[in-house]
Amino acid sequence: MSHFTDLAHQYIDGEWKPGSGSWDIIDFNPYTGEKLASITVATVAEVDRAYRAAERAQTAWAETNPYTRRLVFERALRIVEDREEEIAETIVAELGGTRLKAAFELHLAKEFLREAVQLALRPEGRILPSPVDGKENRVYRVPVGVVGVISPSTSPSSSRSSRSRPPSRSATPSSSSPTRTLRSAAAPSSPRSWRRPGSRPAC
């Protein structure tokens, strides 16, 4: 499957590029033994550059209104739906799994994306009593830092979707992970890092 060669790159700071580490990860079909791709690992400096890119991107993403963020997830869902057959073939080849398993994993990934579409318009917050007359305390969830998502090799698409989509409603994309999650390319399953929501009080 020739597209595996194209996917043997890492998404760092807005560009797809090969790693420049000192060794390769060999990706193969565990059922047939066919070599699918040779992926050169990233260096510490490249990982750091991906992290810094996520950190820079967060500022603009945090200022983006939730209706625009919702459009991003709607587009991501459409890309997965449009490329469903292609993604399924990739899952089968890389995991040596069945079409039934691939279809189930894609179903879960799409459901997580549909939920993320809704979450964009459901920000969480709390109003707490204040000891000061005429005042109230409000608690907001805000991004607190860049995190990496490491998915198990058995169900990469659905696992990464469930972990990365909810935080991204108030967070940011940027870089990290292997090929089967990349097949939906430019949006939903390309390698990403996310900021995790935290909490802070405000009066």
Protein backbone atom coordinates (compact mmCIF):
# COMPACT_ATOMS: atom_id res chain seq x y z
CA MET A 1 0.00 0.00 0.00
CA SER A 2 1.96 2.97 -1.32
CA HIS A 3 0.32 5.57 0.92
CA PHE A 4 2.20 4.15 3.92
CA THR A 5 5.38 5.60 2.49
CA ASP A 6 3.75 9.04 2.36
CA LEU A 7 2.62 8.64 5.96
CA ALA A 8 6.11 7.85 7.29
CA HIS A 9 6.46 11.50 8.27
CA GLN A 10 5.71 13.52 11.36
CA TYR A 11 3.55 16.63 11.59
CA ILE A 12 5.68 19.28 13.29
CA ASP A 13 4.90 22.98 13.38
CA GLY A 14 2.60 22.93 10.36
CA GLU A 15 4.77 20.70 8.15
CA TRP A 16 4.98 17.00 7.32
CA LYS A 17 8.64 15.99 7.56
CA PRO A 18 10.72 12.87 8.23
CA GLY A 19 12.34 12.48 11.61
CA SER A 20 16.10 12.83 11.85
CA GLY A 21 16.74 10.36 14.68
CA SER A 22 19.33 7.60 14.62
CA TRP A 23 17.03 4.60 14.11
CA ASP A 24 13.86 3.53 12.30
CA ILE A 25 10.59 1.96 13.34
CA ILE A 26 9.61 -0.73 10.85
CA ASP A 27 5.85 -0.83 10.32
CA PHE A 28 4.60 -4.15 8.97
CA ASN A 29 1.42 -6.14 8.48
CA PRO A 30 1.43 -8.64 11.36
CA TYR A 31 -0.73 -11.07 9.39
CA THR A 32 1.24 -11.24 6.12
CA GLY A 33 4.62 -9.94 7.30
CA GLU A 34 4.60 -7.34 4.51
CA LYS A 35 6.69 -4.25 5.25
CA LEU A 36 4.47 -1.17 5.07
CA ALA A 37 6.82 1.67 5.98
CA SER A 38 10.10 2.60 7.61
CA ILE A 39 9.64 5.53 9.99
CA THR A 40 12.66 7.45 11.20
CA VAL A 41 12.14 8.51 14.80
CA ALA A 42 12.13 12.14 15.89
CA THR A 43 14.95 13.65 17.90
CA VAL A 44 14.48 15.31 21.29
CA ALA A 45 14.80 18.68 19.52
CA GLU A 46 12.03 17.77 17.06
CA VAL A 47 9.71 16.67 19.86
CA ASP A 48 10.42 19.94 21.64
CA ARG A 49 9.69 21.89 18.45
CA ALA A 50 6.32 20.13 18.15
CA TYR A 51 5.57 20.99 21.79
CA ARG A 52 6.49 24.65 21.27
CA ALA A 53 4.32 24.81 18.16
CA ALA A 54 1.34 23.56 20.17
CA GLU A 55 2.06 26.14 22.84
CA ARG A 56 2.11 28.98 20.30
CA ALA A 57 -1.02 27.76 18.52
CA GLN A 58 -3.05 27.66 21.73
CA THR A 59 -3.34 31.44 22.06
CA ALA A 60 -5.22 31.92 18.80
CA TRP A 61 -7.27 28.74 19.32
CA ALA A 62 -8.38 29.87 22.78
CA GLU A 63 -9.58 33.16 21.29
CA THR A 64 -11.56 31.37 18.56
CA ASN A 65 -15.28 31.42 19.28
CA PRO A 66 -16.96 28.04 19.98
CA TYR A 67 -19.05 28.15 16.80
CA THR A 68 -15.89 28.32 14.70
CA ARG A 69 -14.29 25.53 16.76
CA ARG A 70 -17.41 23.47 16.11
CA LEU A 71 -16.87 23.88 12.35
CA VAL A 72 -13.39 22.37 12.72
CA PHE A 73 -14.82 19.19 14.23
CA GLU A 74 -17.64 19.05 11.69
CA ARG A 75 -15.02 19.16 8.93
CA ALA A 76 -12.97 16.49 10.71
CA LEU A 77 -16.03 14.23 10.82
CA ARG A 78 -16.70 14.77 7.10
CA ILE A 79 -13.09 13.85 6.27
CA VAL A 80 -13.36 10.60 8.21
CA GLU A 81 -16.66 9.79 6.49
CA ASP A 82 -15.28 10.62 3.03
CA ARG A 83 -12.17 8.48 3.60
CA GLU A 84 -13.80 5.71 5.58
CA GLU A 85 -12.98 2.93 3.11
CA GLU A 86 -9.37 4.07 2.82
CA ILE A 87 -8.95 4.31 6.60
CA ALA A 88 -10.51 0.87 7.07
CA GLU A 89 -8.06 -0.66 4.59
CA THR A 90 -5.20 0.93 6.48
CA ILE A 91 -6.40 -0.42 9.83
CA VAL A 92 -6.74 -3.92 8.36
CA ALA A 93 -3.25 -3.79 6.84
CA GLU A 94 -1.42 -2.33 9.81
CA LEU A 95 -3.16 -4.34 12.53
CA GLY A 96 -3.69 -7.52 10.52
CA GLY A 97 -7.28 -7.23 11.73
CA THR A 98 -10.68 -7.88 10.22
CA ARG A 99 -12.96 -5.57 8.26
CA LEU A 100 -15.50 -5.93 11.07
CA LYS A 101 -13.02 -4.61 13.65
CA ALA A 102 -12.03 -1.72 11.37
CA ALA A 103 -15.68 -0.78 10.85
CA PHE A 104 -16.34 -0.88 14.61
CA GLU A 105 -13.32 1.29 15.37
CA LEU A 106 -14.35 3.84 12.74
CA HIS A 107 -17.88 3.88 14.14
CA LEU A 108 -16.51 4.74 17.59
CA ALA A 109 -14.17 7.42 16.21
CA LYS A 110 -17.08 9.10 14.39
CA GLU A 111 -19.22 8.99 17.51
CA PHE A 112 -16.48 10.68 19.53
CA LEU A 113 -16.21 13.37 16.85
CA ARG A 114 -19.97 13.93 16.89
CA GLU A 115 -19.77 14.37 20.65
CA ALA A 116 -16.88 16.83 20.25
CA VAL A 117 -19.04 18.89 17.87
CA GLN A 118 -21.57 19.27 20.68
CA LEU A 119 -19.00 19.86 23.42
CA ALA A 120 -17.72 22.96 21.64
CA LEU A 121 -20.95 24.71 22.66
CA ARG A 122 -21.12 23.28 26.17
CA PRO A 123 -18.45 25.09 28.20
CA GLU A 124 -18.30 24.08 31.84
CA GLY A 125 -18.27 26.45 34.79
CA ARG A 126 -19.56 26.83 38.34
CA ILE A 127 -20.94 29.64 40.46
CA LEU A 128 -19.93 29.45 44.11
CA PRO A 129 -21.05 31.52 47.11
CA SER A 130 -18.87 34.42 48.23
CA PRO A 131 -18.28 35.67 51.79
CA VAL A 132 -18.45 39.21 50.37
CA ASP A 133 -21.92 40.77 50.19
CA GLY A 134 -23.17 41.29 46.66
CA LYS A 135 -20.41 39.14 45.14
CA GLU A 136 -20.24 35.64 43.69
CA ASN A 137 -17.32 33.37 42.78
CA ARG A 138 -17.12 31.80 39.35
CA VAL A 139 -14.96 28.83 38.40
CA TYR A 140 -13.89 28.40 34.76
CA ARG A 141 -12.03 25.57 33.06
CA VAL A 142 -9.08 26.86 31.07
CA PRO A 143 -6.16 25.21 29.21
CA VAL A 144 -3.17 24.63 31.50
CA GLY A 145 -0.50 23.01 29.31
CA VAL A 146 0.43 20.88 26.31
CA VAL A 147 -0.11 17.14 26.63
CA GLY A 148 0.76 14.24 24.34
CA VAL A 149 -1.70 11.48 23.41
CA ILE A 150 -0.27 7.95 23.27
CA SER A 151 -2.76 5.46 21.88
CA PRO A 152 -2.66 1.65 22.11
CA SER A 153 -1.81 -0.07 18.83
CA THR A 154 -4.95 -2.20 19.01
CA SER A 155 -7.53 0.58 18.54
CA PRO A 156 -5.61 3.75 17.65
CA SER A 157 -8.28 5.80 15.90
CA SER A 158 -11.06 5.43 18.44
CA SER A 159 -8.70 5.61 21.44
CA ARG A 160 -7.08 8.82 20.28
CA SER A 161 -10.45 10.32 19.42
CA SER A 162 -11.87 9.65 22.87
CA ARG A 163 -8.87 11.22 24.62
CA SER A 164 -8.06 14.19 22.43
CA ARG A 165 -11.41 15.50 21.18
CA PRO A 166 -12.98 16.65 24.48
CA PRO A 167 -9.98 18.74 25.65
CA SER A 168 -9.65 20.38 22.25
CA ARG A 169 -12.96 22.19 22.58
CA SER A 170 -11.01 24.70 24.70
CA ALA A 171 -7.51 23.67 23.72
CA THR A 172 -5.10 23.31 20.83
CA PRO A 173 -3.84 20.83 18.24
CA SER A 174 -0.21 20.24 17.25
CA SER A 175 1.96 17.07 17.08
CA SER A 176 2.74 13.31 17.91
CA SER A 177 1.99 9.35 16.77
CA PRO A 178 1.98 6.46 14.07
CA THR A 179 0.47 5.77 10.68
CA ARG A 180 -2.98 4.18 10.95
CA THR A 181 -4.17 7.29 12.78
CA LEU A 182 -2.72 9.47 10.04
CA ARG A 183 -4.76 8.15 7.15
CA SER A 184 -7.53 10.66 7.72
CA ALA A 185 -4.66 13.06 7.13
CA ALA A 186 -4.95 16.80 7.38
CA ALA A 187 -7.46 16.92 10.19
CA PRO A 188 -8.90 14.38 12.58
CA SER A 189 -6.32 11.68 13.09
CA SER A 190 -3.08 13.31 12.13
CA PRO A 191 -0.63 13.40 15.06
CA ARG A 192 -1.67 15.92 17.60
CA SER A 193 -0.92 17.22 21.07
CA TRP A 194 -3.58 18.91 23.14
CA ARG A 195 -3.89 21.23 26.07
CA ARG A 196 -5.80 19.81 29.02
CA PRO A 197 -8.53 21.86 30.69
CA GLY A 198 -7.83 22.84 34.29
CA SER A 199 -9.71 25.01 36.74
CA ARG A 200 -9.23 28.45 38.25
CA PRO A 201 -11.47 30.56 40.49
CA ALA A 202 -12.44 34.14 39.67
CA CYS A 203 -14.40 36.66 41.72
